[in-house]
Amino acid sequence: MSQTIPQVIETSRLTLSMLTLNDQSLLFELDQDVAVTKYINGGKKTTMEQIENVFMPRFKQYYNPQKGHGLWKVSAKDMAGVSSSLENDYLGWILIRPMYFFNQNRLLNNLEIGWRFKHCTWGQGIATEAAQAIVDLMATQDEVEFITAIADEENIASLKVMEKLGMTFLKKEIFHDPLGDFESVFYQKEL
């Protein structure tokens, strides 16, 4: 039976909460590091105009806190196991939305998961821990049968997170999106 989606989730080291439609500054902050955007747009910094005119209108379309769809803000707890420079800091986000949301083949039983984290968090297991919390939450929803992630095949760090989540390689093909088509690898896990 589907459970009510909480608006805050905690792991041993992290707190996850739904980003709101007013959190443009957090999205902008994250995208100012070219290492973070390397596999997204070739390493270009995102402008506030792009956040407001492209990203936010797209976000509004799939934002549904009652289903847990949207962006989950990830913050470090004030405790051991997290670098002291990161305590209580915004670290990045986890995306969850129906797969193929922006084209005609939207799948409500298959959710796309994605992530974007500050470079200073890389290699600490934070993306895996946060993503696992969201996968576990989505597994409580009766209608959800699959979790799928897509990435550039050269983004080895993201592929490792997918594998740590128990996802397996599904296919390599062009991912079609109104913002452009991208050759991607798809990993999937049955829930």
N, C-alpha and C. Protein backbone atom coordinates (compact mmCIF):
# COMPACT_ATOMS: atom_id res chain seq x y z
N MET A 1 0.84 -1.18 0.00
CA MET A 1 0.00 0.00 0.00
C MET A 1 0.88 1.25 0.00
N SER A 2 0.51 2.22 -0.79
CA SER A 2 1.27 3.46 -0.87
C SER A 2 1.21 4.20 0.46
N GLN A 3 2.35 4.77 0.83
CA GLN A 3 2.42 5.55 2.05
C GLN A 3 2.41 7.02 1.70
N THR A 4 2.03 7.85 2.69
CA THR A 4 2.10 9.29 2.53
C THR A 4 3.57 9.68 2.41
N ILE A 5 3.84 10.57 1.50
CA ILE A 5 5.21 11.02 1.27
C ILE A 5 5.57 12.08 2.30
N PRO A 6 6.59 11.82 3.12
CA PRO A 6 7.03 12.86 4.06
C PRO A 6 7.75 13.97 3.29
N GLN A 7 7.77 15.14 3.86
CA GLN A 7 8.44 16.26 3.21
C GLN A 7 9.89 16.41 3.67
N VAL A 8 10.28 15.62 4.68
CA VAL A 8 11.65 15.60 5.16
C VAL A 8 12.03 14.15 5.43
N ILE A 9 13.24 13.77 4.98
CA ILE A 9 13.77 12.42 5.20
C ILE A 9 15.14 12.60 5.83
N GLU A 10 15.48 11.72 6.75
CA GLU A 10 16.81 11.77 7.33
C GLU A 10 17.53 10.45 7.16
N THR A 11 18.82 10.52 6.90
CA THR A 11 19.70 9.35 6.91
C THR A 11 20.68 9.57 8.06
N SER A 12 21.64 8.71 8.19
CA SER A 12 22.59 8.88 9.29
C SER A 12 23.37 10.18 9.20
N ARG A 13 23.65 10.65 7.98
CA ARG A 13 24.47 11.85 7.81
C ARG A 13 23.75 13.02 7.16
N LEU A 14 22.57 12.78 6.60
CA LEU A 14 21.94 13.77 5.74
C LEU A 14 20.49 14.06 6.10
N THR A 15 20.05 15.25 5.73
CA THR A 15 18.64 15.61 5.79
C THR A 15 18.21 15.97 4.37
N LEU A 16 17.11 15.37 3.93
CA LEU A 16 16.57 15.65 2.60
C LEU A 16 15.21 16.30 2.76
N SER A 17 14.98 17.38 2.05
CA SER A 17 13.68 18.06 2.07
C SER A 17 13.37 18.55 0.67
N MET A 18 12.09 18.68 0.39
CA MET A 18 11.69 19.11 -0.95
C MET A 18 12.12 20.56 -1.20
N LEU A 19 12.81 20.77 -2.32
CA LEU A 19 13.07 22.14 -2.76
C LEU A 19 11.74 22.75 -3.16
N THR A 20 11.62 24.05 -3.02
CA THR A 20 10.39 24.72 -3.40
C THR A 20 10.60 25.50 -4.69
N LEU A 21 9.53 26.06 -5.18
CA LEU A 21 9.61 26.86 -6.39
C LEU A 21 10.31 28.20 -6.16
N ASN A 22 10.70 28.47 -4.92
CA ASN A 22 11.40 29.72 -4.59
C ASN A 22 12.88 29.51 -4.31
N ASP A 23 13.41 28.34 -4.64
CA ASP A 23 14.79 28.01 -4.32
C ASP A 23 15.75 28.19 -5.49
N GLN A 24 15.49 29.17 -6.34
CA GLN A 24 16.35 29.40 -7.50
C GLN A 24 17.80 29.65 -7.10
N SER A 25 18.02 30.34 -5.99
CA SER A 25 19.39 30.68 -5.59
C SER A 25 20.22 29.43 -5.29
N LEU A 26 19.59 28.39 -4.75
CA LEU A 26 20.31 27.14 -4.48
C LEU A 26 20.69 26.44 -5.78
N LEU A 27 19.79 26.45 -6.74
CA LEU A 27 20.08 25.84 -8.04
C LEU A 27 21.20 26.59 -8.75
N PHE A 28 21.14 27.91 -8.68
CA PHE A 28 22.17 28.75 -9.29
C PHE A 28 23.52 28.49 -8.64
N GLU A 29 23.55 28.46 -7.31
CA GLU A 29 24.80 28.24 -6.57
C GLU A 29 25.50 26.96 -7.02
N LEU A 30 24.75 25.90 -7.12
CA LEU A 30 25.31 24.61 -7.49
C LEU A 30 25.92 24.62 -8.89
N ASP A 31 25.25 25.30 -9.81
CA ASP A 31 25.67 25.29 -11.21
C ASP A 31 26.75 26.31 -11.55
N GLN A 32 27.38 26.89 -10.53
CA GLN A 32 28.49 27.82 -10.79
C GLN A 32 29.84 27.11 -10.83
N ASP A 33 29.84 25.82 -10.51
CA ASP A 33 31.06 25.02 -10.55
C ASP A 33 31.09 24.25 -11.86
N VAL A 34 32.09 24.53 -12.69
CA VAL A 34 32.15 23.89 -14.01
C VAL A 34 32.38 22.39 -13.91
N ALA A 35 32.97 21.91 -12.81
CA ALA A 35 33.12 20.46 -12.62
C ALA A 35 31.75 19.81 -12.47
N VAL A 36 30.83 20.51 -11.82
CA VAL A 36 29.47 19.99 -11.61
C VAL A 36 28.70 19.91 -12.92
N THR A 37 28.89 20.88 -13.79
CA THR A 37 28.12 20.93 -15.04
C THR A 37 28.82 20.28 -16.23
N LYS A 38 29.98 19.67 -15.99
CA LYS A 38 30.77 19.09 -17.08
C LYS A 38 29.95 18.15 -17.96
N TYR A 39 29.21 17.23 -17.37
CA TYR A 39 28.44 16.25 -18.15
C TYR A 39 27.00 16.68 -18.40
N ILE A 40 26.68 17.90 -18.01
CA ILE A 40 25.33 18.42 -18.22
C ILE A 40 25.31 19.32 -19.46
N ASN A 41 26.25 20.26 -19.49
CA ASN A 41 26.27 21.21 -20.61
C ASN A 41 27.69 21.50 -21.10
N GLY A 42 28.60 20.58 -20.82
CA GLY A 42 29.98 20.77 -21.26
C GLY A 42 30.81 21.61 -20.32
N GLY A 43 30.29 21.89 -19.12
CA GLY A 43 31.06 22.64 -18.13
C GLY A 43 30.83 24.14 -18.15
N LYS A 44 29.66 24.56 -18.60
CA LYS A 44 29.35 25.99 -18.59
C LYS A 44 28.57 26.33 -17.32
N LYS A 45 28.84 27.51 -16.77
CA LYS A 45 28.07 27.98 -15.62
C LYS A 45 26.67 28.37 -16.08
N THR A 46 25.69 27.98 -15.28
CA THR A 46 24.31 28.34 -15.57
C THR A 46 24.05 29.76 -15.09
N THR A 47 23.38 30.55 -15.90
CA THR A 47 23.05 31.92 -15.48
C THR A 47 21.74 31.92 -14.69
N MET A 48 21.52 32.97 -13.91
CA MET A 48 20.26 33.09 -13.19
C MET A 48 19.10 33.21 -14.18
N GLU A 49 19.34 33.83 -15.31
CA GLU A 49 18.29 33.93 -16.34
C GLU A 49 17.90 32.54 -16.84
N GLN A 50 18.88 31.64 -17.03
CA GLN A 50 18.57 30.27 -17.45
C GLN A 50 17.80 29.53 -16.36
N ILE A 51 18.19 29.74 -15.10
CA ILE A 51 17.45 29.11 -13.99
C ILE A 51 15.99 29.57 -14.01
N GLU A 52 15.78 30.88 -14.12
CA GLU A 52 14.43 31.44 -14.05
C GLU A 52 13.59 31.16 -15.29
N ASN A 53 14.22 31.18 -16.48
CA ASN A 53 13.43 31.07 -17.72
C ASN A 53 13.38 29.68 -18.33
N VAL A 54 14.29 28.79 -17.92
CA VAL A 54 14.29 27.43 -18.48
C VAL A 54 14.07 26.40 -17.38
N PHE A 55 14.95 26.41 -16.38
CA PHE A 55 14.90 25.37 -15.36
C PHE A 55 13.62 25.44 -14.52
N MET A 56 13.26 26.62 -14.01
CA MET A 56 12.10 26.73 -13.12
C MET A 56 10.78 26.40 -13.82
N PRO A 57 10.54 26.85 -15.05
CA PRO A 57 9.30 26.43 -15.71
C PRO A 57 9.21 24.90 -15.89
N ARG A 58 10.34 24.26 -16.17
CA ARG A 58 10.34 22.79 -16.29
C ARG A 58 10.07 22.16 -14.92
N PHE A 59 10.74 22.66 -13.90
CA PHE A 59 10.57 22.16 -12.54
C PHE A 59 9.11 22.25 -12.11
N LYS A 60 8.45 23.36 -12.41
CA LYS A 60 7.04 23.54 -12.03
C LYS A 60 6.14 22.47 -12.65
N GLN A 61 6.51 21.98 -13.82
CA GLN A 61 5.68 20.99 -14.51
C GLN A 61 5.65 19.64 -13.79
N TYR A 62 6.77 19.22 -13.20
CA TYR A 62 6.78 17.91 -12.55
C TYR A 62 6.77 17.99 -11.02
N TYR A 63 6.80 19.18 -10.47
CA TYR A 63 6.80 19.37 -9.02
C TYR A 63 5.47 18.89 -8.43
N ASN A 64 5.54 17.84 -7.62
CA ASN A 64 4.34 17.28 -6.99
C ASN A 64 4.74 16.70 -5.63
N PRO A 65 4.79 17.54 -4.58
CA PRO A 65 5.23 17.07 -3.27
C PRO A 65 4.40 15.91 -2.71
N GLN A 66 3.12 15.83 -3.07
CA GLN A 66 2.28 14.73 -2.58
C GLN A 66 2.78 13.37 -3.07
N LYS A 67 3.42 13.34 -4.22
CA LYS A 67 3.98 12.10 -4.76
C LYS A 67 5.49 12.00 -4.54
N GLY A 68 6.08 13.06 -4.01
CA GLY A 68 7.53 13.09 -3.81
C GLY A 68 8.29 13.45 -5.07
N HIS A 69 7.58 13.92 -6.11
CA HIS A 69 8.22 14.29 -7.37
C HIS A 69 8.74 15.72 -7.27
N GLY A 70 9.96 15.90 -7.71
CA GLY A 70 10.58 17.22 -7.68
C GLY A 70 12.05 17.07 -7.43
N LEU A 71 12.59 18.05 -6.74
CA LEU A 71 13.99 18.05 -6.35
C LEU A 71 14.06 18.00 -4.83
N TRP A 72 14.85 17.07 -4.34
CA TRP A 72 15.05 16.92 -2.90
C TRP A 72 16.37 17.58 -2.53
N LYS A 73 16.30 18.62 -1.73
CA LYS A 73 17.48 19.33 -1.24
C LYS A 73 18.20 18.43 -0.23
N VAL A 74 19.49 18.29 -0.40
CA VAL A 74 20.30 17.45 0.48
C VAL A 74 21.21 18.37 1.31
N SER A 75 21.12 18.21 2.62
CA SER A 75 21.96 18.98 3.55
C SER A 75 22.66 18.02 4.49
N ALA A 76 23.84 18.40 4.94
CA ALA A 76 24.59 17.59 5.89
C ALA A 76 24.10 17.87 7.30
N LYS A 77 23.99 16.81 8.10
CA LYS A 77 23.68 16.98 9.52
C LYS A 77 24.93 17.46 10.23
N ASP A 78 24.74 18.02 11.39
CA ASP A 78 25.85 18.46 12.23
C ASP A 78 26.31 17.28 13.06
N MET A 79 27.18 16.45 12.47
CA MET A 79 27.63 15.26 13.18
C MET A 79 28.89 14.68 12.56
N ALA A 80 29.46 13.72 13.22
CA ALA A 80 30.64 13.05 12.70
C ALA A 80 30.30 12.32 11.41
N GLY A 81 31.27 12.09 10.57
CA GLY A 81 31.04 11.37 9.32
C GLY A 81 30.84 12.29 8.14
N VAL A 82 30.78 13.59 8.42
CA VAL A 82 30.66 14.58 7.36
C VAL A 82 31.75 15.61 7.60
N SER A 83 32.42 15.99 6.57
CA SER A 83 33.46 17.00 6.69
C SER A 83 32.91 18.22 7.42
N SER A 84 33.65 18.72 8.40
CA SER A 84 33.16 19.85 9.21
C SER A 84 32.82 21.06 8.36
N SER A 85 33.46 21.20 7.22
CA SER A 85 33.16 22.34 6.36
C SER A 85 31.80 22.21 5.68
N LEU A 86 31.19 21.03 5.75
CA LEU A 86 29.91 20.80 5.09
C LEU A 86 28.73 20.77 6.06
N GLU A 87 28.98 20.79 7.36
CA GLU A 87 27.90 20.65 8.33
C GLU A 87 26.81 21.68 8.08
N ASN A 88 25.57 21.19 8.09
CA ASN A 88 24.37 22.01 7.91
C ASN A 88 24.37 22.79 6.60
N ASP A 89 25.15 22.38 5.65
CA ASP A 89 25.27 23.08 4.38
C ASP A 89 24.43 22.40 3.32
N TYR A 90 23.99 23.19 2.36
CA TYR A 90 23.32 22.66 1.18
C TYR A 90 24.37 21.98 0.32
N LEU A 91 24.17 20.69 0.04
CA LEU A 91 25.16 19.90 -0.68
C LEU A 91 24.80 19.67 -2.14
N GLY A 92 23.51 19.65 -2.44
CA GLY A 92 23.06 19.35 -3.79
C GLY A 92 21.63 18.86 -3.76
N TRP A 93 21.24 18.16 -4.82
CA TRP A 93 19.86 17.69 -4.90
C TRP A 93 19.74 16.34 -5.58
N ILE A 94 18.59 15.71 -5.29
CA ILE A 94 18.17 14.47 -5.95
C ILE A 94 16.89 14.78 -6.71
N LEU A 95 16.85 14.42 -7.97
CA LEU A 95 15.66 14.59 -8.82
C LEU A 95 14.86 13.30 -8.81
N ILE A 96 13.54 13.44 -8.76
CA ILE A 96 12.66 12.28 -8.97
C ILE A 96 11.43 12.77 -9.74
N ARG A 97 11.13 12.10 -10.85
CA ARG A 97 9.97 12.46 -11.68
C ARG A 97 9.65 11.27 -12.58
N PRO A 98 8.44 11.24 -13.16
CA PRO A 98 8.13 10.16 -14.09
C PRO A 98 9.12 10.14 -15.26
N MET A 99 9.53 8.94 -15.62
CA MET A 99 10.48 8.77 -16.73
C MET A 99 9.86 9.29 -18.02
N TYR A 100 10.67 9.90 -18.86
CA TYR A 100 10.25 10.52 -20.12
C TYR A 100 9.19 11.60 -19.89
N PHE A 101 9.32 12.34 -18.82
CA PHE A 101 8.31 13.32 -18.44
C PHE A 101 8.02 14.35 -19.52
N PHE A 102 9.05 14.78 -20.25
CA PHE A 102 8.87 15.86 -21.20
C PHE A 102 8.61 15.40 -22.63
N ASN A 103 8.22 14.15 -22.82
CA ASN A 103 7.82 13.73 -24.15
C ASN A 103 6.53 12.92 -24.08
N GLN A 104 6.09 12.41 -25.18
CA GLN A 104 4.78 11.74 -25.27
C GLN A 104 4.74 10.38 -24.58
N ASN A 105 5.88 9.84 -24.20
CA ASN A 105 5.92 8.49 -23.64
C ASN A 105 6.05 8.47 -22.12
N ARG A 106 5.53 9.47 -21.42
CA ARG A 106 5.66 9.57 -19.97
C ARG A 106 5.21 8.27 -19.29
N LEU A 107 6.07 7.77 -18.38
CA LEU A 107 5.78 6.53 -17.67
C LEU A 107 5.56 6.82 -16.19
N LEU A 108 4.37 6.57 -15.68
CA LEU A 108 4.08 6.85 -14.28
C LEU A 108 4.55 5.74 -13.35
N ASN A 109 4.79 4.55 -13.89
CA ASN A 109 5.26 3.43 -13.06
C ASN A 109 6.79 3.32 -13.04
N ASN A 110 7.45 4.21 -13.77
CA ASN A 110 8.91 4.19 -13.89
C ASN A 110 9.40 5.60 -13.60
N LEU A 111 10.11 5.77 -12.50
CA LEU A 111 10.57 7.09 -12.11
C LEU A 111 12.03 7.31 -12.48
N GLU A 112 12.29 8.48 -13.00
CA GLU A 112 13.66 8.89 -13.29
C GLU A 112 14.27 9.46 -12.01
N ILE A 113 15.46 9.02 -11.69
CA ILE A 113 16.21 9.59 -10.57
C ILE A 113 17.49 10.19 -11.12
N GLY A 114 17.86 11.31 -10.56
CA GLY A 114 19.10 11.97 -10.96
C GLY A 114 19.66 12.74 -9.77
N TRP A 115 20.85 13.24 -9.91
CA TRP A 115 21.48 13.96 -8.80
C TRP A 115 22.47 14.96 -9.32
N ARG A 116 22.71 15.95 -8.50
CA ARG A 116 23.73 16.96 -8.77
C ARG A 116 24.24 17.44 -7.42
N PHE A 117 25.55 17.33 -7.21
CA PHE A 117 26.14 17.67 -5.91
C PHE A 117 27.37 18.55 -6.08
N LYS A 118 27.62 19.36 -5.07
CA LYS A 118 28.81 20.20 -5.05
C LYS A 118 30.05 19.32 -5.16
N HIS A 119 31.02 19.81 -5.87
CA HIS A 119 32.27 19.07 -6.10
C HIS A 119 32.94 18.66 -4.79
N CYS A 120 32.85 19.49 -3.76
CA CYS A 120 33.50 19.21 -2.48
C CYS A 120 32.90 17.98 -1.78
N THR A 121 31.75 17.50 -2.23
CA THR A 121 31.11 16.32 -1.61
C THR A 121 31.51 15.03 -2.30
N TRP A 122 32.09 15.11 -3.47
CA TRP A 122 32.35 13.92 -4.28
C TRP A 122 33.29 12.97 -3.55
N GLY A 123 33.04 11.68 -3.72
CA GLY A 123 33.89 10.66 -3.14
C GLY A 123 33.59 10.34 -1.69
N GLN A 124 32.54 10.91 -1.13
CA GLN A 124 32.19 10.68 0.27
C GLN A 124 30.95 9.81 0.45
N GLY A 125 30.37 9.31 -0.66
CA GLY A 125 29.19 8.46 -0.58
C GLY A 125 27.90 9.24 -0.35
N ILE A 126 27.95 10.55 -0.46
CA ILE A 126 26.77 11.37 -0.18
C ILE A 126 25.70 11.19 -1.25
N ALA A 127 26.09 11.18 -2.51
CA ALA A 127 25.10 11.00 -3.59
C ALA A 127 24.41 9.65 -3.45
N THR A 128 25.17 8.61 -3.16
CA THR A 128 24.59 7.27 -3.01
C THR A 128 23.65 7.23 -1.81
N GLU A 129 24.07 7.77 -0.69
CA GLU A 129 23.24 7.76 0.52
C GLU A 129 21.93 8.51 0.31
N ALA A 130 22.01 9.68 -0.31
CA ALA A 130 20.81 10.48 -0.56
C ALA A 130 19.90 9.79 -1.58
N ALA A 131 20.47 9.30 -2.66
CA ALA A 131 19.67 8.65 -3.70
C ALA A 131 19.01 7.38 -3.15
N GLN A 132 19.73 6.62 -2.32
CA GLN A 132 19.15 5.41 -1.74
C GLN A 132 17.94 5.75 -0.87
N ALA A 133 18.01 6.84 -0.14
CA ALA A 133 16.88 7.26 0.69
C ALA A 133 15.65 7.55 -0.18
N ILE A 134 15.86 8.16 -1.33
CA ILE A 134 14.74 8.47 -2.23
C ILE A 134 14.23 7.19 -2.89
N VAL A 135 15.12 6.30 -3.31
CA VAL A 135 14.69 5.01 -3.89
C VAL A 135 13.84 4.25 -2.87
N ASP A 136 14.30 4.20 -1.62
CA ASP A 136 13.55 3.49 -0.58
C ASP A 136 12.17 4.11 -0.38
N LEU A 137 12.10 5.44 -0.42
CA LEU A 137 10.82 6.13 -0.27
C LEU A 137 9.89 5.81 -1.45
N MET A 138 10.41 5.86 -2.66
CA MET A 138 9.58 5.61 -3.84
C MET A 138 9.12 4.15 -3.90
N ALA A 139 9.90 3.24 -3.31
CA ALA A 139 9.53 1.82 -3.29
C ALA A 139 8.27 1.57 -2.46
N THR A 140 7.88 2.54 -1.62
CA THR A 140 6.66 2.39 -0.81
C THR A 140 5.41 2.74 -1.60
N GLN A 141 5.58 3.23 -2.81
CA GLN A 141 4.44 3.67 -3.62
C GLN A 141 4.01 2.54 -4.56
N ASP A 142 2.75 2.12 -4.44
CA ASP A 142 2.24 0.97 -5.19
C ASP A 142 2.43 1.09 -6.70
N GLU A 143 2.27 2.29 -7.23
CA GLU A 143 2.31 2.47 -8.68
C GLU A 143 3.72 2.45 -9.25
N VAL A 144 4.72 2.55 -8.41
CA VAL A 144 6.10 2.62 -8.89
C VAL A 144 6.69 1.21 -8.98
N GLU A 145 7.09 0.84 -10.21
CA GLU A 145 7.67 -0.49 -10.45
C GLU A 145 9.16 -0.43 -10.75
N PHE A 146 9.63 0.70 -11.30
CA PHE A 146 11.03 0.83 -11.71
C PHE A 146 11.58 2.19 -11.34
N ILE A 147 12.87 2.22 -11.11
CA ILE A 147 13.63 3.46 -10.98
C ILE A 147 14.68 3.41 -12.08
N THR A 148 14.80 4.50 -12.85
CA THR A 148 15.74 4.56 -13.97
C THR A 148 16.59 5.82 -13.83
N ALA A 149 17.85 5.69 -14.17
CA ALA A 149 18.77 6.83 -14.20
C ALA A 149 19.45 6.86 -15.56
N ILE A 150 19.74 8.06 -16.02
CA ILE A 150 20.44 8.22 -17.29
C ILE A 150 21.66 9.10 -17.06
N ALA A 151 22.69 8.87 -17.85
CA ALA A 151 23.91 9.68 -17.72
C ALA A 151 24.73 9.57 -18.99
N ASP A 152 25.63 10.51 -19.13
CA ASP A 152 26.66 10.43 -20.16
C ASP A 152 27.54 9.23 -19.79
N GLU A 153 27.87 8.38 -20.75
CA GLU A 153 28.62 7.18 -20.42
C GLU A 153 30.03 7.47 -19.91
N GLU A 154 30.52 8.69 -20.09
CA GLU A 154 31.84 9.05 -19.57
C GLU A 154 31.77 9.55 -18.12
N ASN A 155 30.56 9.72 -17.60
CA ASN A 155 30.38 10.19 -16.23
C ASN A 155 30.49 8.99 -15.28
N ILE A 156 31.70 8.53 -15.09
CA ILE A 156 31.97 7.31 -14.32
C ILE A 156 31.45 7.42 -12.89
N ALA A 157 31.56 8.59 -12.28
CA ALA A 157 31.09 8.75 -10.90
C ALA A 157 29.59 8.48 -10.80
N SER A 158 28.80 9.00 -11.74
CA SER A 158 27.36 8.76 -11.71
C SER A 158 27.04 7.29 -11.99
N LEU A 159 27.79 6.68 -12.90
CA LEU A 159 27.57 5.26 -13.18
C LEU A 159 27.85 4.41 -11.93
N LYS A 160 28.85 4.79 -11.16
CA LYS A 160 29.16 4.06 -9.93
C LYS A 160 28.03 4.21 -8.91
N VAL A 161 27.44 5.39 -8.82
CA VAL A 161 26.30 5.59 -7.92
C VAL A 161 25.15 4.69 -8.36
N MET A 162 24.88 4.64 -9.65
CA MET A 162 23.81 3.78 -10.16
C MET A 162 24.04 2.33 -9.75
N GLU A 163 25.25 1.87 -9.91
CA GLU A 163 25.57 0.48 -9.55
C GLU A 163 25.43 0.25 -8.06
N LYS A 164 25.85 1.21 -7.24
CA LYS A 164 25.71 1.08 -5.78
C LYS A 164 24.25 1.06 -5.35
N LEU A 165 23.39 1.65 -6.15
CA LEU A 165 21.95 1.63 -5.88
C LEU A 165 21.31 0.31 -6.31
N GLY A 166 22.10 -0.58 -6.90
CA GLY A 166 21.57 -1.86 -7.36
C GLY A 166 20.97 -1.80 -8.75
N MET A 167 21.25 -0.72 -9.46
CA MET A 167 20.75 -0.58 -10.82
C MET A 167 21.69 -1.31 -11.77
N THR A 168 21.14 -1.80 -12.86
CA THR A 168 21.94 -2.47 -13.86
C THR A 168 21.77 -1.79 -15.22
N PHE A 169 22.78 -1.94 -16.04
CA PHE A 169 22.76 -1.35 -17.38
C PHE A 169 21.55 -1.87 -18.15
N LEU A 170 20.80 -0.97 -18.75
CA LEU A 170 19.63 -1.33 -19.54
C LEU A 170 19.89 -1.14 -21.03
N LYS A 171 20.41 0.04 -21.40
CA LYS A 171 20.62 0.32 -22.82
C LYS A 171 21.41 1.60 -22.99
N LYS A 172 21.88 1.79 -24.21
CA LYS A 172 22.51 3.04 -24.61
C LYS A 172 21.75 3.53 -25.82
N GLU A 173 21.23 4.75 -25.72
CA GLU A 173 20.48 5.32 -26.84
C GLU A 173 20.37 6.83 -26.67
N ILE A 174 19.77 7.45 -27.64
CA ILE A 174 19.53 8.89 -27.59
C ILE A 174 18.35 9.15 -26.66
N PHE A 175 18.57 10.03 -25.68
CA PHE A 175 17.50 10.48 -24.79
C PHE A 175 16.93 11.75 -25.40
N HIS A 176 15.64 11.72 -25.71
CA HIS A 176 14.99 12.86 -26.37
C HIS A 176 14.37 13.78 -25.32
N ASP A 177 14.68 15.05 -25.44
CA ASP A 177 14.19 16.06 -24.51
C ASP A 177 13.98 17.34 -25.30
N PRO A 178 12.99 18.15 -24.94
CA PRO A 178 12.79 19.42 -25.66
C PRO A 178 14.02 20.32 -25.66
N LEU A 179 14.92 20.18 -24.68
CA LEU A 179 16.12 21.00 -24.64
C LEU A 179 17.23 20.46 -25.53
N GLY A 180 17.03 19.28 -26.07
CA GLY A 180 18.03 18.68 -26.94
C GLY A 180 18.10 17.18 -26.73
N ASP A 181 18.67 16.51 -27.70
CA ASP A 181 18.83 15.06 -27.63
C ASP A 181 20.24 14.74 -27.17
N PHE A 182 20.35 13.75 -26.28
CA PHE A 182 21.64 13.41 -25.69
C PHE A 182 21.85 11.91 -25.76
N GLU A 183 23.02 11.48 -26.25
CA GLU A 183 23.35 10.07 -26.20
C GLU A 183 23.62 9.73 -24.74
N SER A 184 22.92 8.74 -24.21
CA SER A 184 22.99 8.42 -22.80
C SER A 184 22.99 6.93 -22.57
N VAL A 185 23.47 6.55 -21.40
CA VAL A 185 23.30 5.17 -20.94
C VAL A 185 22.18 5.18 -19.90
N PHE A 186 21.40 4.12 -19.92
CA PHE A 186 20.26 3.99 -19.02
C PHE A 186 20.54 2.83 -18.07
N TYR A 187 20.35 3.07 -16.79
CA TYR A 187 20.44 2.03 -15.78
C TYR A 187 19.08 1.96 -15.09
N GLN A 188 18.70 0.75 -14.66
CA GLN A 188 17.37 0.59 -14.09
C GLN A 188 17.37 -0.43 -12.96
N LYS A 189 16.42 -0.24 -12.06
CA LYS A 189 16.21 -1.18 -10.96
C LYS A 189 14.72 -1.43 -10.83
N GLU A 190 14.36 -2.70 -10.71
CA GLU A 190 12.96 -3.05 -10.46
C GLU A 190 12.74 -3.00 -8.96
N LEU A 191 11.63 -2.39 -8.57
CA LEU A 191 11.32 -2.26 -7.13
C LEU A 191 10.38 -3.36 -6.67
